[in-house]
Amino acid sequence: MTIKKPLAIKQPEVGQLIRKVRLLAGLTQEQFAATLGVIYSTINRWENGPSKPSPLAMEKIEALCK
């Protein structure tokens, strides 16, 4: 799966993508947050709110897809 860079993806598309990756990995938001080294509320904001991951976080998410 190829992921566009975060600046190229707008909400809600980035939130849907993150949710899809997380669910395909079989992880809860809490588990996904621990895997990426962020807190639960960060994942929640990425999936449901106006926030988008940093480029470093997107690299980590992309690495999970491989």
PDB file of N, CA and C in Angstrom:
ATOM      1  N   MET A   1       0.858  -1.173   0.000  1.00  0.00           N
ATOM      2  CA  MET A   1       0.000   0.000   0.000  1.00  0.00           C
ATOM      3  C   MET A   1       0.900   1.231   0.000  1.00  0.00           C
ATOM      4  N   THR A   2       0.664   2.142  -0.916  1.00  0.00           N
ATOM      5  CA  THR A   2       1.419   3.383  -0.966  1.00  0.00           C
ATOM      6  C   THR A   2       0.585   4.482  -0.340  1.00  0.00           C
ATOM      7  N   ILE A   3       1.214   5.255   0.532  1.00  0.00           N
ATOM      8  CA  ILE A   3       0.514   6.331   1.220  1.00  0.00           C
ATOM      9  C   ILE A   3       1.044   7.661   0.707  1.00  0.00           C
ATOM     10  N   LYS A   4       0.142   8.539   0.322  1.00  0.00           N
ATOM     11  CA  LYS A   4       0.548   9.882  -0.065  1.00  0.00           C
ATOM     12  C   LYS A   4       1.110  10.599   1.142  1.00  0.00           C
ATOM     13  N   LYS A   5       1.960  11.558   0.903  1.00  0.00           N
ATOM     14  CA  LYS A   5       2.517  12.347   1.997  1.00  0.00           C
ATOM     15  C   LYS A   5       1.405  13.142   2.660  1.00  0.00           C
ATOM     16  N   PRO A   6       1.514  13.408   3.972  1.00  0.00           N
ATOM     17  CA  PRO A   6       0.413  14.015   4.716  1.00  0.00           C
ATOM     18  C   PRO A   6      -0.057  15.357   4.178  1.00  0.00           C
ATOM     19  N   LEU A   7       0.831  16.119   3.571  1.00  0.00           N
ATOM     20  CA  LEU A   7       0.408  17.411   3.048  1.00  0.00           C
ATOM     21  C   LEU A   7      -0.476  17.255   1.817  1.00  0.00           C
ATOM     22  N   ALA A   8      -0.359  16.100   1.139  1.00  0.00           N
ATOM     23  CA  ALA A   8      -1.149  15.867  -0.060  1.00  0.00           C
ATOM     24  C   ALA A   8      -2.520  15.287   0.252  1.00  0.00           C
ATOM     25  N   ILE A   9      -2.702  14.788   1.450  1.00  0.00           N
ATOM     26  CA  ILE A   9      -3.969  14.178   1.838  1.00  0.00           C
ATOM     27  C   ILE A   9      -4.693  15.132   2.786  1.00  0.00           C
ATOM     28  N   LYS A  10      -5.959  15.338   2.540  1.00  0.00           N
ATOM     29  CA  LYS A  10      -6.749  16.217   3.403  1.00  0.00           C
ATOM     30  C   LYS A  10      -7.674  15.378   4.278  1.00  0.00           C
ATOM     31  N   GLN A  11      -8.140  15.974   5.372  1.00  0.00           N
ATOM     32  CA  GLN A  11      -9.157  15.336   6.214  1.00  0.00           C
ATOM     33  C   GLN A  11     -10.461  15.397   5.434  1.00  0.00           C
ATOM     34  N   PRO A  12     -11.331  14.443   5.472  1.00  0.00           N
ATOM     35  CA  PRO A  12     -11.305  13.238   6.319  1.00  0.00           C
ATOM     36  C   PRO A  12     -10.576  12.054   5.700  1.00  0.00           C
ATOM     37  N   GLU A  13     -10.035  12.217   4.478  1.00  0.00           N
ATOM     38  CA  GLU A  13      -9.373  11.099   3.808  1.00  0.00           C
ATOM     39  C   GLU A  13      -8.217  10.526   4.632  1.00  0.00           C
ATOM     40  N   VAL A  14      -7.402  11.382   5.237  1.00  0.00           N
ATOM     41  CA  VAL A  14      -6.276  10.880   6.025  1.00  0.00           C
ATOM     42  C   VAL A  14      -6.781  10.112   7.249  1.00  0.00           C
ATOM     43  N   GLY A  15      -7.850  10.572   7.861  1.00  0.00           N
ATOM     44  CA  GLY A  15      -8.418   9.872   9.011  1.00  0.00           C
ATOM     45  C   GLY A  15      -8.943   8.502   8.641  1.00  0.00           C
ATOM     46  N   GLN A  16      -9.583   8.422   7.482  1.00  0.00           N
ATOM     47  CA  GLN A  16     -10.095   7.132   7.009  1.00  0.00           C
ATOM     48  C   GLN A  16      -8.949   6.182   6.699  1.00  0.00           C
ATOM     49  N   LEU A  17      -7.885   6.702   6.118  1.00  0.00           N
ATOM     50  CA  LEU A  17      -6.725   5.883   5.799  1.00  0.00           C
ATOM     51  C   LEU A  17      -6.077   5.335   7.064  1.00  0.00           C
ATOM     52  N   ILE A  18      -5.920   6.185   8.068  1.00  0.00           N
ATOM     53  CA  ILE A  18      -5.310   5.748   9.325  1.00  0.00           C
ATOM     54  C   ILE A  18      -6.177   4.696  10.006  1.00  0.00           C
ATOM     55  N   ARG A  19      -7.475   4.910  10.018  1.00  0.00           N
ATOM     56  CA  ARG A  19      -8.381   3.921  10.614  1.00  0.00           C
ATOM     57  C   ARG A  19      -8.267   2.587   9.880  1.00  0.00           C
ATOM     58  N   LYS A  20      -8.214   2.635   8.549  1.00  0.00           N
ATOM     59  CA  LYS A  20      -8.118   1.413   7.756  1.00  0.00           C
ATOM     60  C   LYS A  20      -6.823   0.658   8.062  1.00  0.00           C
ATOM     61  N   VAL A  21      -5.705   1.377   8.118  1.00  0.00           N
ATOM     62  CA  VAL A  21      -4.418   0.746   8.431  1.00  0.00           C
ATOM     63  C   VAL A  21      -4.463   0.123   9.822  1.00  0.00           C
ATOM     64  N   ARG A  22      -5.006   0.861  10.777  1.00  0.00           N
ATOM     65  CA  ARG A  22      -5.082   0.370  12.157  1.00  0.00           C
ATOM     66  C   ARG A  22      -5.932  -0.888  12.248  1.00  0.00           C
ATOM     67  N   LEU A  23      -7.089  -0.877  11.593  1.00  0.00           N
ATOM     68  CA  LEU A  23      -7.972  -2.037  11.649  1.00  0.00           C
ATOM     69  C   LEU A  23      -7.375  -3.236  10.919  1.00  0.00           C
ATOM     70  N   LEU A  24      -6.699  -2.998   9.791  1.00  0.00           N
ATOM     71  CA  LEU A  24      -6.042  -4.094   9.080  1.00  0.00           C
ATOM     72  C   LEU A  24      -4.931  -4.720   9.930  1.00  0.00           C
ATOM     73  N   ALA A  25      -4.299  -3.900  10.764  1.00  0.00           N
ATOM     74  CA  ALA A  25      -3.275  -4.407  11.671  1.00  0.00           C
ATOM     75  C   ALA A  25      -3.895  -5.091  12.889  1.00  0.00           C
ATOM     76  N   GLY A  26      -5.214  -4.947  13.061  1.00  0.00           N
ATOM     77  CA  GLY A  26      -5.908  -5.573  14.180  1.00  0.00           C
ATOM     78  C   GLY A  26      -5.617  -4.896  15.506  1.00  0.00           C
ATOM     79  N   LEU A  27      -5.404  -3.584  15.474  1.00  0.00           N
ATOM     80  CA  LEU A  27      -5.039  -2.852  16.680  1.00  0.00           C
ATOM     81  C   LEU A  27      -6.138  -1.892  17.114  1.00  0.00           C
ATOM     82  N   THR A  28      -6.252  -1.724  18.423  1.00  0.00           N
ATOM     83  CA  THR A  28      -7.127  -0.683  18.962  1.00  0.00           C
ATOM     84  C   THR A  28      -6.407   0.658  18.793  1.00  0.00           C
ATOM     85  N   GLN A  29      -7.114   1.744  19.039  1.00  0.00           N
ATOM     86  CA  GLN A  29      -6.464   3.048  18.980  1.00  0.00           C
ATOM     87  C   GLN A  29      -5.336   3.123  20.004  1.00  0.00           C
ATOM     88  N   GLU A  30      -5.538   2.558  21.176  1.00  0.00           N
ATOM     89  CA  GLU A  30      -4.514   2.561  22.214  1.00  0.00           C
ATOM     90  C   GLU A  30      -3.275   1.784  21.781  1.00  0.00           C
ATOM     91  N   GLN A  31      -3.480   0.612  21.195  1.00  0.00           N
ATOM     92  CA  GLN A  31      -2.362  -0.212  20.740  1.00  0.00           C
ATOM     93  C   GLN A  31      -1.624   0.457  19.582  1.00  0.00           C
ATOM     94  N   PHE A  32      -2.375   1.041  18.676  1.00  0.00           N
ATOM     95  CA  PHE A  32      -1.779   1.727  17.529  1.00  0.00           C
ATOM     96  C   PHE A  32      -0.957   2.921  18.010  1.00  0.00           C
ATOM     97  N   ALA A  33      -1.490   3.637  18.977  1.00  0.00           N
ATOM     98  CA  ALA A  33      -0.769   4.782  19.546  1.00  0.00           C
ATOM     99  C   ALA A  33       0.559   4.322  20.155  1.00  0.00           C
ATOM    100  N   ALA A  34       0.535   3.238  20.908  1.00  0.00           N
ATOM    101  CA  ALA A  34       1.759   2.729  21.529  1.00  0.00           C
ATOM    102  C   ALA A  34       2.773   2.312  20.466  1.00  0.00           C
ATOM    103  N   THR A  35       2.303   1.715  19.391  1.00  0.00           N
ATOM    104  CA  THR A  35       3.174   1.294  18.306  1.00  0.00           C
ATOM    105  C   THR A  35       3.879   2.486  17.667  1.00  0.00           C
ATOM    106  N   LEU A  36       3.163   3.598  17.546  1.00  0.00           N
ATOM    107  CA  LEU A  36       3.718   4.792  16.905  1.00  0.00           C
ATOM    108  C   LEU A  36       4.426   5.725  17.878  1.00  0.00           C
ATOM    109  N   GLY A  37       4.290   5.457  19.162  1.00  0.00           N
ATOM    110  CA  GLY A  37       4.934   6.310  20.156  1.00  0.00           C
ATOM    111  C   GLY A  37       4.198   7.610  20.408  1.00  0.00           C
ATOM    112  N   VAL A  38       2.869   7.567  20.251  1.00  0.00           N
ATOM    113  CA  VAL A  38       2.030   8.733  20.551  1.00  0.00           C
ATOM    114  C   VAL A  38       0.974   8.309  21.560  1.00  0.00           C
ATOM    115  N   ILE A  39       0.161   9.245  21.999  1.00  0.00           N
ATOM    116  CA  ILE A  39      -0.893   8.900  22.954  1.00  0.00           C
ATOM    117  C   ILE A  39      -2.203   8.638  22.223  1.00  0.00           C
ATOM    118  N   TYR A  40      -3.095   7.947  22.918  1.00  0.00           N
ATOM    119  CA  TYR A  40      -4.390   7.551  22.362  1.00  0.00           C
ATOM    120  C   TYR A  40      -5.136   8.723  21.738  1.00  0.00           C
ATOM    121  N   SER A  41      -5.173   9.844  22.431  1.00  0.00           N
ATOM    122  CA  SER A  41      -5.964  10.974  21.930  1.00  0.00           C
ATOM    123  C   SER A  41      -5.423  11.506  20.602  1.00  0.00           C
ATOM    124  N   THR A  42      -4.142  11.307  20.350  1.00  0.00           N
ATOM    125  CA  THR A  42      -3.570  11.724  19.068  1.00  0.00           C
ATOM    126  C   THR A  42      -4.162  10.895  17.939  1.00  0.00           C
ATOM    127  N   ILE A  43      -4.226   9.588  18.120  1.00  0.00           N
ATOM    128  CA  ILE A  43      -4.823   8.713  17.105  1.00  0.00           C
ATOM    129  C   ILE A  43      -6.288   9.082  16.910  1.00  0.00           C
ATOM    130  N   ASN A  44      -6.984   9.334  18.006  1.00  0.00           N
ATOM    131  CA  ASN A  44      -8.390   9.705  17.931  1.00  0.00           C
ATOM    132  C   ASN A  44      -8.572  10.990  17.126  1.00  0.00           C
ATOM    133  N   ARG A  45      -7.716  11.970  17.358  1.00  0.00           N
ATOM    134  CA  ARG A  45      -7.802  13.241  16.605  1.00  0.00           C
ATOM    135  C   ARG A  45      -7.471  13.029  15.138  1.00  0.00           C
ATOM    136  N   TRP A  46      -6.506  12.153  14.847  1.00  0.00           N
ATOM    137  CA  TRP A  46      -6.170  11.875  13.451  1.00  0.00           C
ATOM    138  C   TRP A  46      -7.341  11.227  12.736  1.00  0.00           C
ATOM    139  N   GLU A  47      -8.008  10.292  13.399  1.00  0.00           N
ATOM    140  CA  GLU A  47      -9.105   9.568  12.761  1.00  0.00           C
ATOM    141  C   GLU A  47     -10.396  10.381  12.700  1.00  0.00           C
ATOM    142  N   ASN A  48     -10.650  11.212  13.697  1.00  0.00           N
ATOM    143  CA  ASN A  48     -11.963  11.854  13.811  1.00  0.00           C
ATOM    144  C   ASN A  48     -11.949  13.374  13.741  1.00  0.00           C
ATOM    145  N   GLY A  49     -10.804  13.956  13.817  1.00  0.00           N
ATOM    146  CA  GLY A  49     -10.776  15.408  13.916  1.00  0.00           C
ATOM    147  C   GLY A  49      -9.987  16.069  12.806  1.00  0.00           C
ATOM    148  N   PRO A  50      -9.659  17.313  13.020  1.00  0.00           N
ATOM    149  CA  PRO A  50      -8.970  18.079  11.988  1.00  0.00           C
ATOM    150  C   PRO A  50      -7.460  17.845  11.937  1.00  0.00           C
ATOM    151  N   SER A  51      -6.914  17.089  12.884  1.00  0.00           N
ATOM    152  CA  SER A  51      -5.465  16.901  12.955  1.00  0.00           C
ATOM    153  C   SER A  51      -4.983  15.873  11.950  1.00  0.00           C
ATOM    154  N   LYS A  52      -3.758  16.077  11.490  1.00  0.00           N
ATOM    155  CA  LYS A  52      -3.106  15.127  10.594  1.00  0.00           C
ATOM    156  C   LYS A  52      -1.761  14.741  11.200  1.00  0.00           C
ATOM    157  N   PRO A  53      -1.275  13.541  10.887  1.00  0.00           N
ATOM    158  CA  PRO A  53       0.015  13.110  11.415  1.00  0.00           C
ATOM    159  C   PRO A  53       1.161  13.938  10.837  1.00  0.00           C
ATOM    160  N   SER A  54       2.230  14.011  11.595  1.00  0.00           N
ATOM    161  CA  SER A  54       3.447  14.661  11.123  1.00  0.00           C
ATOM    162  C   SER A  54       4.082  13.783  10.048  1.00  0.00           C
ATOM    163  N   PRO A  55       5.017  14.328   9.293  1.00  0.00           N
ATOM    164  CA  PRO A  55       5.708  13.487   8.304  1.00  0.00           C
ATOM    165  C   PRO A  55       6.404  12.277   8.935  1.00  0.00           C
ATOM    166  N   LEU A  56       6.966  12.444  10.136  1.00  0.00           N
ATOM    167  CA  LEU A  56       7.612  11.322  10.815  1.00  0.00           C
ATOM    168  C   LEU A  56       6.589  10.240  11.182  1.00  0.00           C
ATOM    169  N   ALA A  57       5.438  10.652  11.686  1.00  0.00           N
ATOM    170  CA  ALA A  57       4.384   9.689  12.023  1.00  0.00           C
ATOM    171  C   ALA A  57       3.896   8.975  10.764  1.00  0.00           C
ATOM    172  N   MET A  58       3.786   9.701   9.656  1.00  0.00           N
ATOM    173  CA  MET A  58       3.352   9.064   8.406  1.00  0.00           C
ATOM    174  C   MET A  58       4.379   8.041   7.938  1.00  0.00           C
ATOM    175  N   GLU A  59       5.657   8.304   8.157  1.00  0.00           N
ATOM    176  CA  GLU A  59       6.683   7.328   7.806  1.00  0.00           C
ATOM    177  C   GLU A  59       6.511   6.054   8.630  1.00  0.00           C
ATOM    178  N   LYS A  60       6.224   6.200   9.914  1.00  0.00           N
ATOM    179  CA  LYS A  60       6.004   5.042  10.786  1.00  0.00           C
ATOM    180  C   LYS A  60       4.759   4.270  10.349  1.00  0.00           C
ATOM    181  N   ILE A  61       3.701   4.984   9.992  1.00  0.00           N
ATOM    182  CA  ILE A  61       2.465   4.332   9.538  1.00  0.00           C
ATOM    183  C   ILE A  61       2.742   3.591   8.231  1.00  0.00           C
ATOM    184  N   GLU A  62       3.478   4.228   7.332  1.00  0.00           N
ATOM    185  CA  GLU A  62       3.814   3.588   6.058  1.00  0.00           C
ATOM    186  C   GLU A  62       4.654   2.336   6.285  1.00  0.00           C
ATOM    187  N   ALA A  63       5.547   2.369   7.260  1.00  0.00           N
ATOM    188  CA  ALA A  63       6.378   1.196   7.559  1.00  0.00           C
ATOM    189  C   ALA A  63       5.519   0.038   8.048  1.00  0.00           C
ATOM    190  N   LEU A  64       4.433   0.334   8.772  1.00  0.00           N
ATOM    191  CA  LEU A  64       3.527  -0.728   9.225  1.00  0.00           C
ATOM    192  C   LEU A  64       2.826  -1.404   8.052  1.00  0.00           C
ATOM    193  N   CYS A  65       2.675  -0.685   6.967  1.00  0.00           N
ATOM    194  CA  CYS A  65       1.975  -1.235   5.794  1.00  0.00           C
ATOM    195  C   CYS A  65       2.838  -2.215   5.022  1.00  0.00           C
ATOM    196  N   LYS A  66       4.130  -2.176   5.262  1.00  0.00           N
ATOM    197  CA  LYS A  66       5.048  -3.030   4.480  1.00  0.00           C
ATOM    198  C   LYS A  66       5.249  -4.364   5.120  1.00  0.00           C
TER     199      LYS A  66
END
